[in-house]
Protein backbone atom coordinates (compact mmCIF):
# COMPACT_ATOMS: atom_id res chain seq x y z
CA MET A 1 90.16 88.98 103.02
CA THR A 2 91.13 87.68 106.30
CA GLU A 3 90.64 89.07 109.32
CA PHE A 4 92.65 89.93 112.28
CA GLY A 5 92.43 91.10 115.54
CA PRO A 6 94.25 94.95 116.02
CA VAL A 7 96.50 95.33 113.18
CA ARG A 8 98.41 98.72 112.68
CA SER A 9 100.74 99.55 110.32
CA LEU A 10 104.03 101.06 111.75
CA SER A 11 106.88 103.07 110.46
CA ARG A 12 109.66 104.21 112.66
CA TYR A 13 109.65 107.19 110.35
CA SER A 14 106.17 109.18 111.32
CA ALA A 15 104.46 106.81 113.98
CA SER A 16 106.54 107.88 117.11
CA PRO A 17 107.64 111.25 118.47
CA PRO A 18 111.09 112.62 117.19
CA GLN A 19 113.32 111.72 120.05
CA ARG A 20 112.52 108.03 119.91
CA GLY A 21 112.05 108.03 116.56
CA GLN A 22 115.36 109.29 115.91
CA ALA A 23 116.62 106.35 118.42
CA ALA A 24 114.80 103.75 116.10
CA ILE A 25 116.26 104.88 113.10
CA GLU A 26 119.84 105.03 115.01
CA ARG A 27 119.36 101.44 116.16
CA ARG A 28 117.86 100.86 112.88
CA THR A 29 114.41 98.67 114.76
CA LEU A 30 110.88 99.90 114.93
CA SER A 31 110.10 102.18 118.02
CA ALA A 32 106.89 100.27 119.13
CA SER A 33 109.20 97.06 118.95
CA PRO A 34 109.36 94.46 121.97
CA ALA A 35 112.23 96.15 123.42
CA GLU A 36 110.52 99.38 124.01
CA ASN A 37 106.88 97.40 124.73
CA PRO A 38 107.87 93.96 126.42
CA ALA A 39 104.26 93.14 125.92
CA ALA A 40 104.28 94.13 122.21
CA THR A 41 104.21 91.45 119.57
CA MET A 42 104.64 92.50 115.82
CA ALA A 43 105.65 91.25 112.34
CA ILE A 44 107.35 93.44 110.41
CA SER A 45 106.03 93.24 106.33
CA MET A 46 105.16 95.62 103.62
CA THR A 47 108.30 98.08 104.80
CA CYS A 48 110.53 97.42 101.62
CA SER A 49 107.89 97.99 98.88
CA TRP A 50 107.18 101.79 97.22
CA ASN A 51 103.54 102.43 97.57
CA LYS A 52 103.04 102.89 93.99
CA THR A 53 104.74 98.94 93.46
CA LEU A 54 102.55 98.02 95.82
CA ALA A 55 99.42 99.58 93.97
CA SER A 56 100.39 98.38 90.65
CA GLU A 57 101.98 95.21 91.04
CA ALA A 58 98.94 93.51 93.92
CA HIS A 59 97.71 90.05 92.51
CA ARG A 60 100.12 90.23 88.88
CA ALA A 61 101.01 86.50 87.38
CA GLN A 62 103.59 84.77 89.15
CA PRO A 63 106.11 85.52 89.72
CA ARG A 64 105.03 87.98 92.39
CA VAL A 65 106.49 90.82 93.99
CA GLY A 66 108.12 89.57 97.08
CA THR A 67 107.45 90.70 100.52
CA PRO A 68 109.98 90.45 103.06
CA LEU A 69 108.58 89.48 106.88
CA ALA A 70 110.52 89.33 110.06
CA SER A 71 109.09 88.54 113.26
CA ASP A 72 109.93 86.77 117.01
CA ASP A 73 106.12 85.98 117.31
CA GLU A 74 104.34 82.76 115.60
CA ASN A 75 100.75 84.49 115.54
CA ALA A 76 101.96 87.89 114.06
CA LEU A 77 104.03 86.19 111.78
CA ALA A 78 101.36 83.92 110.50
CA ALA A 79 98.76 87.24 110.73
CA ALA A 80 101.76 89.02 108.68
CA PHE A 81 101.80 86.24 105.98
CA ALA A 82 98.35 86.15 105.59
CA LEU A 83 97.57 89.48 105.09
CA VAL A 84 100.40 89.23 102.02
CA VAL A 85 98.87 86.79 100.64
CA ASP A 86 95.28 88.45 100.82
CA ALA A 87 97.19 91.59 98.88
CA GLY A 88 98.53 89.72 95.88
CA PHE A 89 102.52 89.50 97.45
CA ASP A 90 104.79 86.50 97.63
CA PRO A 91 105.57 86.94 101.28
CA VAL A 92 109.57 86.03 102.04
CA VAL A 93 109.79 84.57 105.81
CA VAL A 94 113.50 86.19 106.49
CA GLY A 95 113.51 85.14 110.45
CA ASN A 96 113.15 86.65 113.67
CA LEU A 97 112.81 90.76 114.22
CA ASP A 98 116.98 91.06 113.91
CA ARG A 99 117.13 89.85 110.66
CA ALA A 100 114.48 92.58 109.47
CA ARG A 101 117.73 94.72 109.01
CA GLU A 102 118.27 92.61 106.11
CA PHE A 103 115.37 93.95 103.77
CA ASP A 104 115.40 97.94 105.32
CA VAL A 105 116.52 101.24 104.14
CA GLY A 106 119.71 100.61 102.62
CA ALA A 107 119.16 97.03 101.89
CA PRO A 108 119.77 95.31 98.50
CA VAL A 109 116.25 94.35 98.24
CA HIS A 110 114.79 97.66 99.60
CA THR A 111 112.25 99.29 97.24
CA THR A 112 113.32 97.19 93.95
CA GLY A 113 110.03 95.62 93.25
CA MET A 114 112.21 92.09 92.85
CA SER A 115 109.79 88.97 92.69
CA GLY A 116 109.86 86.40 95.92
CA PRO A 117 112.21 84.18 93.98
CA GLU A 118 114.91 86.78 93.53
CA VAL A 119 114.28 88.26 97.07
CA ARG A 120 115.10 84.77 98.18
CA ARG A 121 118.09 84.97 96.27
CA THR A 122 119.41 88.17 97.12
CA LEU A 123 118.93 87.05 101.25
CA ASN A 124 119.88 83.72 100.51
CA ILE A 125 116.91 82.21 101.68
CA ALA A 126 115.50 78.88 101.10
CA ARG A 127 111.94 77.96 100.25
């Protein structure tokens, strides 16, 4: 398993006070984002897969479940990428944090359990 400095799982649905959380939902961003905390670096990953899919599909044979990633920080993206690989999924780098909306709630790839190639095809991302 790869080790990284402080890695936190953040959810805009439960990790922030109600008012900040609601504002984040309206903006479709995490309340702990660099917009809220300029010193923050973050990558968004493993937010569009149902926990039971993650539990049952980790390390399955190819093609593995695609896990979209987004970050404005190269180091945060590298850490998230390595964690996704270690967890047994296919990391799909979507782009910067603004593009995380493409795999957020209501997006075509959200909670589908699509394979990495299917996620790339759906989001029009070249390998």
